Amino acid sequence: MQRIPGKNRFSAPAEWQSHILTAHPIFSDLCQRFDPGRFSDWPSVSALNNCRSDKTFSFVDNAVLEQDGRYYEEFIYATAQIPTRGENWHDLFGAMIWCLFPHTKKLLNRLHIAEINLHGQKQRSKLRNKLTLFDECGLILCVEPAAQHHLDWLRAHQWQHSFVQQRAEWWQQLRPVIFGHAIYEMATAPFIGLTAKTLFVEVPVGFSQWPLTAAYSFLDRKLHEQIANGAVLLDNQQLTPLPVLGVPGWHDENNNPGFYDNTDYFRPQRQR
C-alpha cells in the first residue's frame, strides 16, 4: 500500500492490469458482475455496451463529445450517450456504475441539467456540488434495522465502536456499496487517506445476504426515489466521511485493531 503526501496528485496504474481488480476484495462486486479477468486488455466501448442490461443509454468514444462541442452533461441529456475515454480507469469505472445504477445516474444527469438551466454552466449551485461529490466519491452504507446504532457512531467518528467493537455486524447487518467511480479508481492504488462520502440507506432485514443483482436493483430504485423526492443530498447528516480502508474485509491491515489508532486517517469529529 502506498502513502501519498497531501499535495501529490493521485495516479492510477498506467497499464491494464485485471489482477488489480480480481485480487482486491473492494472490487468483488465488479468482478462478480463484469468478470474483468476475462479481458487481456482495456475493455472497448463495444464491450462495455455489451455489459448493459438497460439499453436506453449507450457508451461512445469520447471523441464524439469532442467533435460535438456540447457540455458533458448536456450531451448526455440530449443523446443518451455516455462519452468514455479509452484506456482510462476513471471512465471505465464510471461506465460500470452506469450499468449498475442506470436509473440513479440518469436522474443525476437530469438534476444537473435543471440546475444548469437555473444558474448557467459556470455558476455551480450547492446541489450541483453535492451531485458531483456523490457521483465521484459516494459510498452507500446499507443499514438493516438491527444496525441503526452504527449511523450515530459513524456520523460522530466513533470509529472504534463501529469498526472494532461491533465489527461482526459488518456484512451481516451493514453492507457498504461504492457508488463513486473516483473511489474505485483510487482503490487501484490504495493509500492512507482514501475517504468516501457516505449516504446512509435503510434496507430490509437480511439485505446484506441478498444476491448481487437483486441488491443493486433495489438500491437503484431506492436511491432514485430518495434523491428525486427529497433533499437527501443536501442533508448535513448525509455524505459524511468514511475512511474506506477501515471497512472490515476491504484492507488486510485493518484486521489489527491498532490500525484504527491512526488519528490522521481515522480523525475524531471536530468540536463545534
C-alpha atoms as a PDB file:
ATOM      1  CA  MET A   1       0.000   0.000   0.000  1.00  0.00           C
ATOM      2  CA  GLN A   2       1.345   3.405  -0.917  1.00  0.00           C
ATOM      3  CA  ARG A   3       1.114   6.505   1.232  1.00  0.00           C
ATOM      4  CA  ILE A   4       0.571   9.656  -0.784  1.00  0.00           C
ATOM      5  CA  PRO A   5       1.740  13.057   0.500  1.00  0.00           C
ATOM      6  CA  GLY A   6      -1.057  15.575   0.754  1.00  0.00           C
ATOM      7  CA  LYS A   7      -0.088  17.780  -2.210  1.00  0.00           C
ATOM      8  CA  ASN A   8       0.698  14.977  -4.669  1.00  0.00           C
ATOM      9  CA  ARG A   9      -1.916  14.132  -7.269  1.00  0.00           C
ATOM     10  CA  PHE A  10      -3.159  10.556  -7.359  1.00  0.00           C
ATOM     11  CA  SER A  11      -2.027   8.473 -10.321  1.00  0.00           C
ATOM     12  CA  ALA A  12      -3.757   5.226 -11.252  1.00  0.00           C
ATOM     13  CA  PRO A  13      -1.728   2.423 -12.864  1.00  0.00           C
ATOM     14  CA  ALA A  14      -0.906   3.321 -16.460  1.00  0.00           C
ATOM     15  CA  GLU A  15      -1.472  -0.134 -17.928  1.00  0.00           C
ATOM     16  CA  TRP A  16      -4.424  -2.510 -17.922  1.00  0.00           C
ATOM     17  CA  GLN A  17      -3.987  -4.956 -15.040  1.00  0.00           C
ATOM     18  CA  SER A  18      -7.032  -7.119 -14.427  1.00  0.00           C
ATOM     19  CA  HIS A  19      -5.394  -8.713 -11.389  1.00  0.00           C
ATOM     20  CA  ILE A  20      -5.737  -5.382  -9.567  1.00  0.00           C
ATOM     21  CA  LEU A  21      -9.483  -5.937  -9.624  1.00  0.00           C
ATOM     22  CA  THR A  22      -9.609  -9.691  -9.145  1.00  0.00           C
ATOM     23  CA  ALA A  23      -7.155  -9.710  -6.226  1.00  0.00           C
ATOM     24  CA  HIS A  24      -8.664  -6.934  -4.097  1.00  0.00           C
ATOM     25  CA  PRO A  25     -11.930  -7.508  -2.184  1.00  0.00           C
ATOM     26  CA  ILE A  26     -13.047  -3.898  -2.642  1.00  0.00           C
ATOM     27  CA  PHE A  27     -13.751  -4.803  -6.285  1.00  0.00           C
ATOM     28  CA  SER A  28     -15.597  -8.062  -5.553  1.00  0.00           C
ATOM     29  CA  ASP A  29     -18.991  -6.737  -6.711  1.00  0.00           C
ATOM     30  CA  LEU A  30     -17.490  -5.528 -10.000  1.00  0.00           C
ATOM     31  CA  CYS A  31     -15.740  -8.851 -10.524  1.00  0.00           C
ATOM     32  CA  GLN A  32     -18.963 -10.757  -9.937  1.00  0.00           C
ATOM     33  CA  ARG A  33     -20.958  -8.525 -12.283  1.00  0.00           C
ATOM     34  CA  PHE A  34     -18.442  -7.788 -15.066  1.00  0.00           C
ATOM     35  CA  ASP A  35     -15.765 -10.524 -14.824  1.00  0.00           C
ATOM     36  CA  PRO A  36     -12.852  -8.181 -15.686  1.00  0.00           C
ATOM     37  CA  GLY A  37     -10.403 -11.095 -15.515  1.00  0.00           C
ATOM     38  CA  ARG A  38     -11.606 -12.194 -18.967  1.00  0.00           C
ATOM     39  CA  PHE A  39     -10.096  -9.090 -20.559  1.00  0.00           C
ATOM     40  CA  SER A  40      -6.446  -9.249 -21.610  1.00  0.00           C
ATOM     41  CA  ASP A  41      -6.500  -5.536 -22.428  1.00  0.00           C
ATOM     42  CA  TRP A  42      -8.655  -2.496 -21.710  1.00  0.00           C
ATOM     43  CA  PRO A  43     -12.353  -3.220 -22.340  1.00  0.00           C
ATOM     44  CA  SER A  44     -13.530  -1.464 -25.506  1.00  0.00           C
ATOM     45  CA  VAL A  45     -16.593   0.767 -25.774  1.00  0.00           C
ATOM     46  CA  SER A  46     -18.290  -2.093 -27.598  1.00  0.00           C
ATOM     47  CA  ALA A  47     -17.503  -4.482 -24.737  1.00  0.00           C
ATOM     48  CA  LEU A  48     -18.895  -2.004 -22.217  1.00  0.00           C
ATOM     49  CA  ASN A  49     -22.095  -1.675 -24.254  1.00  0.00           C
ATOM     50  CA  ASN A  50     -22.450  -5.439 -24.073  1.00  0.00           C
ATOM     51  CA  CYS A  51     -22.453  -5.170 -20.260  1.00  0.00           C
ATOM     52  CA  ARG A  52     -25.652  -3.092 -20.172  1.00  0.00           C
ATOM     53  CA  SER A  53     -28.967  -4.539 -19.089  1.00  0.00           C
ATOM     54  CA  ASP A  54     -30.630  -1.140 -19.634  1.00  0.00           C
ATOM     55  CA  LYS A  55     -30.478  -0.312 -23.357  1.00  0.00           C
ATOM     56  CA  THR A  56     -31.856   3.224 -23.026  1.00  0.00           C
ATOM     57  CA  PHE A  57     -28.317   4.615 -22.953  1.00  0.00           C
ATOM     58  CA  SER A  58     -25.047   3.672 -24.626  1.00  0.00           C
ATOM     59  CA  PHE A  59     -21.349   4.345 -24.338  1.00  0.00           C
ATOM     60  CA  VAL A  60     -19.478   6.156 -27.119  1.00  0.00           C
ATOM     61  CA  ASP A  61     -15.866   7.131 -27.630  1.00  0.00           C
ATOM     62  CA  ASN A  62     -15.006  10.467 -26.014  1.00  0.00           C
ATOM     63  CA  ALA A  63     -14.004  11.779 -29.442  1.00  0.00           C
ATOM     64  CA  VAL A  64     -17.718  12.022 -30.265  1.00  0.00           C
ATOM     65  CA  LEU A  65     -18.136  14.554 -27.455  1.00  0.00           C
ATOM     66  CA  GLU A  66     -15.048  16.486 -28.523  1.00  0.00           C
ATOM     67  CA  GLN A  67     -16.384  16.767 -32.069  1.00  0.00           C
ATOM     68  CA  ASP A  68     -19.864  17.699 -30.845  1.00  0.00           C
ATOM     69  CA  GLY A  69     -18.706  20.578 -28.656  1.00  0.00           C
ATOM     70  CA  ARG A  70     -21.527  20.487 -26.131  1.00  0.00           C
ATOM     71  CA  TYR A  71     -21.015  20.425 -22.377  1.00  0.00           C
ATOM     72  CA  TYR A  72     -20.649  16.868 -20.987  1.00  0.00           C
ATOM     73  CA  GLU A  73     -23.929  16.757 -19.032  1.00  0.00           C
ATOM     74  CA  GLU A  74     -25.860  18.451 -21.863  1.00  0.00           C
ATOM     75  CA  PHE A  75     -24.514  15.957 -24.391  1.00  0.00           C
ATOM     76  CA  ILE A  76     -25.635  13.005 -22.247  1.00  0.00           C
ATOM     77  CA  TYR A  77     -29.061  14.547 -21.669  1.00  0.00           C
ATOM     78  CA  ALA A  78     -29.631  15.215 -25.376  1.00  0.00           C
ATOM     79  CA  THR A  79     -28.227  11.980 -26.807  1.00  0.00           C
ATOM     80  CA  ALA A  80     -28.433   9.319 -24.039  1.00  0.00           C
ATOM     81  CA  GLN A  81     -24.806   8.577 -24.922  1.00  0.00           C
ATOM     82  CA  ILE A  82     -22.029   8.443 -22.315  1.00  0.00           C
ATOM     83  CA  PRO A  83     -18.663   9.726 -23.605  1.00  0.00           C
ATOM     84  CA  THR A  84     -15.987   7.279 -22.475  1.00  0.00           C
ATOM     85  CA  ARG A  85     -12.230   7.657 -22.756  1.00  0.00           C
ATOM     86  CA  GLY A  86     -10.303   4.546 -23.719  1.00  0.00           C
ATOM     87  CA  GLU A  87      -7.560   3.104 -21.516  1.00  0.00           C
ATOM     88  CA  ASN A  88      -8.810   5.161 -18.596  1.00  0.00           C
ATOM     89  CA  TRP A  89      -9.653   3.726 -15.168  1.00  0.00           C
ATOM     90  CA  HIS A  90     -11.868   6.665 -14.207  1.00  0.00           C
ATOM     91  CA  ASP A  91     -14.135   6.321 -17.228  1.00  0.00           C
ATOM     92  CA  LEU A  92     -14.104   2.529 -17.069  1.00  0.00           C
ATOM     93  CA  PHE A  93     -15.437   2.578 -13.521  1.00  0.00           C
ATOM     94  CA  GLY A  94     -17.858   5.327 -14.498  1.00  0.00           C
ATOM     95  CA  ALA A  95     -19.264   3.044 -17.189  1.00  0.00           C
ATOM     96  CA  MET A  96     -19.628   0.197 -14.705  1.00  0.00           C
ATOM     97  CA  ILE A  97     -21.565   2.446 -12.329  1.00  0.00           C
ATOM     98  CA  TRP A  98     -23.877   3.412 -15.200  1.00  0.00           C
ATOM     99  CA  CYS A  99     -24.547  -0.292 -15.734  1.00  0.00           C
ATOM    100  CA  LEU A 100     -25.185  -0.917 -12.022  1.00  0.00           C
ATOM    101  CA  PHE A 101     -27.259   2.211 -11.276  1.00  0.00           C
ATOM    102  CA  PRO A 102     -28.848   3.313 -14.574  1.00  0.00           C
ATOM    103  CA  HIS A 103     -31.946   4.968 -13.075  1.00  0.00           C
ATOM    104  CA  THR A 104     -29.952   6.920 -10.494  1.00  0.00           C
ATOM    105  CA  LYS A 105     -27.301   8.018 -12.985  1.00  0.00           C
ATOM    106  CA  LYS A 106     -29.956   9.288 -15.407  1.00  0.00           C
ATOM    107  CA  LEU A 107     -31.625  11.164 -12.545  1.00  0.00           C
ATOM    108  CA  LEU A 108     -28.346  12.831 -11.548  1.00  0.00           C
ATOM    109  CA  ASN A 109     -27.899  13.941 -15.152  1.00  0.00           C
ATOM    110  CA  ARG A 110     -31.433  15.425 -15.256  1.00  0.00           C
ATOM    111  CA  LEU A 111     -30.815  17.270 -11.983  1.00  0.00           C
ATOM    112  CA  HIS A 112     -27.577  18.728 -13.340  1.00  0.00           C
ATOM    113  CA  ILE A 113     -29.449  19.983 -16.397  1.00  0.00           C
ATOM    114  CA  ALA A 114     -32.217  21.508 -14.268  1.00  0.00           C
ATOM    115  CA  GLU A 115     -29.608  23.352 -12.187  1.00  0.00           C
ATOM    116  CA  ILE A 116     -27.755  24.495 -15.296  1.00  0.00           C
ATOM    117  CA  ASN A 117     -30.998  25.868 -16.703  1.00  0.00           C
ATOM    118  CA  LEU A 118     -31.487  27.821 -13.473  1.00  0.00           C
ATOM    119  CA  HIS A 119     -27.960  29.045 -12.835  1.00  0.00           C
ATOM    120  CA  GLY A 120     -25.957  28.535 -16.034  1.00  0.00           C
ATOM    121  CA  GLN A 121     -22.923  26.304 -16.548  1.00  0.00           C
ATOM    122  CA  LYS A 122     -20.348  28.428 -14.751  1.00  0.00           C
ATOM    123  CA  GLN A 123     -22.250  29.131 -11.517  1.00  0.00           C
ATOM    124  CA  ARG A 124     -22.334  25.811  -9.710  1.00  0.00           C
ATOM    125  CA  SER A 125     -25.170  25.582  -7.190  1.00  0.00           C
ATOM    126  CA  LYS A 126     -24.918  23.807  -3.846  1.00  0.00           C
ATOM    127  CA  LEU A 127     -26.978  20.941  -5.247  1.00  0.00           C
ATOM    128  CA  ARG A 128     -24.700  20.514  -8.255  1.00  0.00           C
ATOM    129  CA  ASN A 129     -21.693  20.364  -5.951  1.00  0.00           C
ATOM    130  CA  LYS A 130     -23.403  17.674  -3.882  1.00  0.00           C
ATOM    131  CA  LEU A 131     -24.405  15.750  -7.011  1.00  0.00           C
ATOM    132  CA  THR A 132     -20.793  15.772  -8.188  1.00  0.00           C
ATOM    133  CA  LEU A 133     -19.472  14.800  -4.759  1.00  0.00           C
ATOM    134  CA  PHE A 134     -21.790  11.787  -4.561  1.00  0.00           C
ATOM    135  CA  ASP A 135     -21.172  10.864  -8.202  1.00  0.00           C
ATOM    136  CA  GLU A 136     -17.400  10.863  -7.751  1.00  0.00           C
ATOM    137  CA  CYS A 137     -16.865   9.841  -4.124  1.00  0.00           C
ATOM    138  CA  GLY A 138     -20.137   8.383  -2.873  1.00  0.00           C
ATOM    139  CA  LEU A 139     -20.447   5.233  -0.813  1.00  0.00           C
ATOM    140  CA  ILE A 140     -23.864   3.809   0.075  1.00  0.00           C
ATOM    141  CA  LEU A 141     -23.990   2.233   3.517  1.00  0.00           C
ATOM    142  CA  CYS A 142     -26.958  -0.141   3.581  1.00  0.00           C
ATOM    143  CA  VAL A 143     -28.169  -0.333   7.169  1.00  0.00           C
ATOM    144  CA  GLU A 144     -30.518  -3.059   8.381  1.00  0.00           C
ATOM    145  CA  PRO A 145     -32.871  -2.289  11.318  1.00  0.00           C
ATOM    146  CA  ALA A 146     -30.700  -4.005  13.947  1.00  0.00           C
ATOM    147  CA  ALA A 147     -27.641  -1.947  12.964  1.00  0.00           C
ATOM    148  CA  GLN A 148     -29.092   1.552  13.251  1.00  0.00           C
ATOM    149  CA  HIS A 149     -26.697   2.397  16.085  1.00  0.00           C
ATOM    150  CA  HIS A 150     -23.819   2.437  13.587  1.00  0.00           C
ATOM    151  CA  LEU A 151     -25.274   5.576  11.973  1.00  0.00           C
ATOM    152  CA  ASP A 152     -24.713   7.630  15.114  1.00  0.00           C
ATOM    153  CA  TRP A 153     -21.243   6.187  15.666  1.00  0.00           C
ATOM    154  CA  LEU A 154     -20.044   6.811  12.122  1.00  0.00           C
ATOM    155  CA  ARG A 155     -21.523  10.291  11.945  1.00  0.00           C
ATOM    156  CA  ALA A 156     -19.755  11.090  15.231  1.00  0.00           C
ATOM    157  CA  HIS A 157     -16.482   9.492  14.013  1.00  0.00           C
ATOM    158  CA  GLN A 158     -16.678   6.843  16.726  1.00  0.00           C
ATOM    159  CA  TRP A 159     -14.618   4.531  14.549  1.00  0.00           C
ATOM    160  CA  GLN A 160     -13.636   2.125  17.338  1.00  0.00           C
ATOM    161  CA  HIS A 161     -17.278   1.422  18.221  1.00  0.00           C
ATOM    162  CA  SER A 162     -18.267   0.532  14.657  1.00  0.00           C
ATOM    163  CA  PHE A 163     -15.117  -0.899  13.082  1.00  0.00           C
ATOM    164  CA  VAL A 164     -13.656  -2.707  16.108  1.00  0.00           C
ATOM    165  CA  GLN A 165     -16.122  -3.318  18.917  1.00  0.00           C
ATOM    166  CA  GLN A 166     -19.078  -4.192  16.659  1.00  0.00           C
ATOM    167  CA  ARG A 167     -17.008  -5.412  13.731  1.00  0.00           C
ATOM    168  CA  ALA A 168     -19.002  -8.637  13.381  1.00  0.00           C
ATOM    169  CA  GLU A 169     -22.089  -6.687  12.305  1.00  0.00           C
ATOM    170  CA  TRP A 170     -20.377  -5.506   9.106  1.00  0.00           C
ATOM    171  CA  TRP A 171     -21.519  -7.564   6.093  1.00  0.00           C
ATOM    172  CA  GLN A 172     -24.171  -9.173   8.311  1.00  0.00           C
ATOM    173  CA  GLN A 173     -26.312  -6.101   9.076  1.00  0.00           C
ATOM    174  CA  LEU A 174     -24.235  -3.417   7.328  1.00  0.00           C
ATOM    175  CA  ARG A 175     -23.469  -3.640   3.613  1.00  0.00           C
ATOM    176  CA  PRO A 176     -21.204  -0.989   2.019  1.00  0.00           C
ATOM    177  CA  VAL A 177     -21.661  -0.356  -1.712  1.00  0.00           C
ATOM    178  CA  ILE A 178     -19.435   2.015  -3.676  1.00  0.00           C
ATOM    179  CA  PHE A 179     -21.206   4.468  -5.983  1.00  0.00           C
ATOM    180  CA  GLY A 180     -18.430   6.958  -6.728  1.00  0.00           C
ATOM    181  CA  HIS A 181     -16.268   5.858  -9.630  1.00  0.00           C
ATOM    182  CA  ALA A 182     -13.364   8.000  -8.361  1.00  0.00           C
ATOM    183  CA  ILE A 183     -13.278   5.856  -5.211  1.00  0.00           C
ATOM    184  CA  TYR A 184     -12.899   2.744  -7.345  1.00  0.00           C
ATOM    185  CA  GLU A 185     -10.189   4.461  -9.383  1.00  0.00           C
ATOM    186  CA  MET A 186      -8.199   5.404  -6.276  1.00  0.00           C
ATOM    187  CA  ALA A 187      -8.624   1.888  -4.906  1.00  0.00           C
ATOM    188  CA  THR A 188      -6.452   0.625  -7.786  1.00  0.00           C
ATOM    189  CA  ALA A 189      -3.527   2.041  -5.766  1.00  0.00           C
ATOM    190  CA  PRO A 190      -4.995   2.333  -2.243  1.00  0.00           C
ATOM    191  CA  PHE A 191      -3.428   4.797   0.172  1.00  0.00           C
ATOM    192  CA  ILE A 192      -3.902   6.013   3.729  1.00  0.00           C
ATOM    193  CA  GLY A 193      -6.291   8.916   3.335  1.00  0.00           C
ATOM    194  CA  LEU A 194      -8.701   7.273   0.874  1.00  0.00           C
ATOM    195  CA  THR A 195     -12.074   8.545   2.088  1.00  0.00           C
ATOM    196  CA  ALA A 196     -15.593   8.265   0.686  1.00  0.00           C
ATOM    197  CA  LYS A 197     -18.708  10.336   1.322  1.00  0.00           C
ATOM    198  CA  THR A 198     -21.380   8.163   2.890  1.00  0.00           C
ATOM    199  CA  LEU A 199     -25.059   8.086   2.032  1.00  0.00           C
ATOM    200  CA  PHE A 200     -26.923   6.050   4.669  1.00  0.00           C
ATOM    201  CA  VAL A 201     -29.794   3.969   3.274  1.00  0.00           C
ATOM    202  CA  GLU A 202     -32.164   1.890   5.380  1.00  0.00           C
ATOM    203  CA  VAL A 203     -32.721  -1.589   3.951  1.00  0.00           C
ATOM    204  CA  PRO A 204     -34.842  -4.622   4.935  1.00  0.00           C
ATOM    205  CA  VAL A 205     -33.754  -7.342   7.329  1.00  0.00           C
ATOM    206  CA  GLY A 206     -31.465  -9.797   5.545  1.00  0.00           C
ATOM    207  CA  PHE A 207     -30.495  -7.366   2.766  1.00  0.00           C
ATOM    208  CA  SER A 208     -26.775  -7.938   3.390  1.00  0.00           C
ATOM    209  CA  GLN A 209     -27.197 -11.512   2.145  1.00  0.00           C
ATOM    210  CA  TRP A 210     -29.273 -10.695  -0.938  1.00  0.00           C
ATOM    211  CA  PRO A 211     -27.925 -11.801  -4.342  1.00  0.00           C
ATOM    212  CA  LEU A 212     -25.935  -9.104  -6.093  1.00  0.00           C
ATOM    213  CA  THR A 213     -28.413  -8.379  -8.901  1.00  0.00           C
ATOM    214  CA  ALA A 214     -31.367  -8.051  -6.530  1.00  0.00           C
ATOM    215  CA  ALA A 215     -29.407  -5.844  -4.127  1.00  0.00           C
ATOM    216  CA  TYR A 216     -28.242  -3.387  -6.798  1.00  0.00           C
ATOM    217  CA  SER A 217     -31.666  -3.260  -8.439  1.00  0.00           C
ATOM    218  CA  PHE A 218     -33.244  -2.417  -5.074  1.00  0.00           C
ATOM    219  CA  LEU A 219     -30.626   0.253  -4.345  1.00  0.00           C
ATOM    220  CA  ASP A 220     -31.007   1.837  -7.777  1.00  0.00           C
ATOM    221  CA  ARG A 221     -34.769   2.214  -7.223  1.00  0.00           C
ATOM    222  CA  LYS A 222     -34.299   3.356  -3.613  1.00  0.00           C
ATOM    223  CA  LEU A 223     -31.707   5.986  -4.496  1.00  0.00           C
ATOM    224  CA  HIS A 224     -33.818   7.271  -7.371  1.00  0.00           C
ATOM    225  CA  GLU A 225     -36.796   7.630  -5.050  1.00  0.00           C
ATOM    226  CA  GLN A 226     -34.894   9.339  -2.238  1.00  0.00           C
ATOM    227  CA  ILE A 227     -32.940  11.747  -4.431  1.00  0.00           C
ATOM    228  CA  ALA A 228     -35.918  12.628  -6.635  1.00  0.00           C
ATOM    229  CA  ASN A 229     -38.438  13.181  -3.832  1.00  0.00           C
ATOM    230  CA  GLY A 230     -36.357  14.871  -1.166  1.00  0.00           C
ATOM    231  CA  ALA A 231     -33.282  16.862  -0.335  1.00  0.00           C
ATOM    232  CA  VAL A 232     -31.310  13.825   0.809  1.00  0.00           C
ATOM    233  CA  LEU A 233     -28.053  15.027  -0.742  1.00  0.00           C
ATOM    234  CA  LEU A 234     -28.422  18.396   0.988  1.00  0.00           C
ATOM    235  CA  ASP A 235     -28.990  16.772   4.408  1.00  0.00           C
ATOM    236  CA  ASN A 236     -25.995  17.581   6.622  1.00  0.00           C
ATOM    237  CA  GLN A 237     -26.251  14.110   8.182  1.00  0.00           C
ATOM    238  CA  GLN A 238     -25.584  12.553   4.792  1.00  0.00           C
ATOM    239  CA  LEU A 239     -22.373  12.478   2.746  1.00  0.00           C
ATOM    240  CA  THR A 240     -20.294  12.238   5.905  1.00  0.00           C
ATOM    241  CA  PRO A 241     -16.691  10.986   5.569  1.00  0.00           C
ATOM    242  CA  LEU A 242     -15.894   7.282   5.789  1.00  0.00           C
ATOM    243  CA  PRO A 243     -12.255   6.044   5.747  1.00  0.00           C
ATOM    244  CA  VAL A 244     -12.554   3.383   3.044  1.00  0.00           C
ATOM    245  CA  LEU A 245      -9.619   1.264   4.219  1.00  0.00           C
ATOM    246  CA  GLY A 246     -11.312   0.936   7.601  1.00  0.00           C
ATOM    247  CA  VAL A 247     -14.181  -1.119   6.185  1.00  0.00           C
ATOM    248  CA  PRO A 248     -13.763  -4.658   7.549  1.00  0.00           C
ATOM    249  CA  GLY A 249     -12.693  -7.043   4.810  1.00  0.00           C
ATOM    250  CA  TRP A 250     -11.517  -4.329   2.420  1.00  0.00           C
ATOM    251  CA  HIS A 251      -7.961  -3.966   3.717  1.00  0.00           C
ATOM    252  CA  ASP A 252      -5.736  -6.607   5.337  1.00  0.00           C
ATOM    253  CA  GLU A 253      -4.101  -4.213   7.793  1.00  0.00           C
ATOM    254  CA  ASN A 254      -7.403  -3.385   9.474  1.00  0.00           C
ATOM    255  CA  ASN A 255      -7.518  -6.915  10.923  1.00  0.00           C
ATOM    256  CA  ASN A 256      -5.204  -5.430  13.556  1.00  0.00           C
ATOM    257  CA  PRO A 257      -7.232  -3.184  15.915  1.00  0.00           C
ATOM    258  CA  GLY A 258      -4.193  -0.909  16.207  1.00  0.00           C
ATOM    259  CA  PHE A 259      -4.704   0.114  12.583  1.00  0.00           C
ATOM    260  CA  TYR A 260      -7.560   2.348  13.744  1.00  0.00           C
ATOM    261  CA  ASP A 261      -5.299   4.250  16.163  1.00  0.00           C
ATOM    262  CA  ASN A 262      -4.042   6.410  13.290  1.00  0.00           C
ATOM    263  CA  THR A 263      -5.922   9.632  14.049  1.00  0.00           C
ATOM    264  CA  ASP A 264      -4.538  11.311  10.939  1.00  0.00           C
ATOM    265  CA  TYR A 265      -6.754   8.914   8.983  1.00  0.00           C
ATOM    266  CA  PHE A 266      -9.460   8.000  11.496  1.00  0.00           C
ATOM    267  CA  ARG A 267      -9.970  11.545  12.584  1.00  0.00           C
ATOM    268  CA  PRO A 268     -12.040  12.480  15.611  1.00  0.00           C
ATOM    269  CA  GLN A 269     -15.014  14.686  14.966  1.00  0.00           C
ATOM    270  CA  ARG A 270     -14.302  18.400  15.012  1.00  0.00           C
ATOM    271  CA  GLN A 271     -15.653  20.188  18.045  1.00  0.00           C
ATOM    272  CA  ARG A 272     -18.108  22.880  17.007  1.00  0.00           C
END
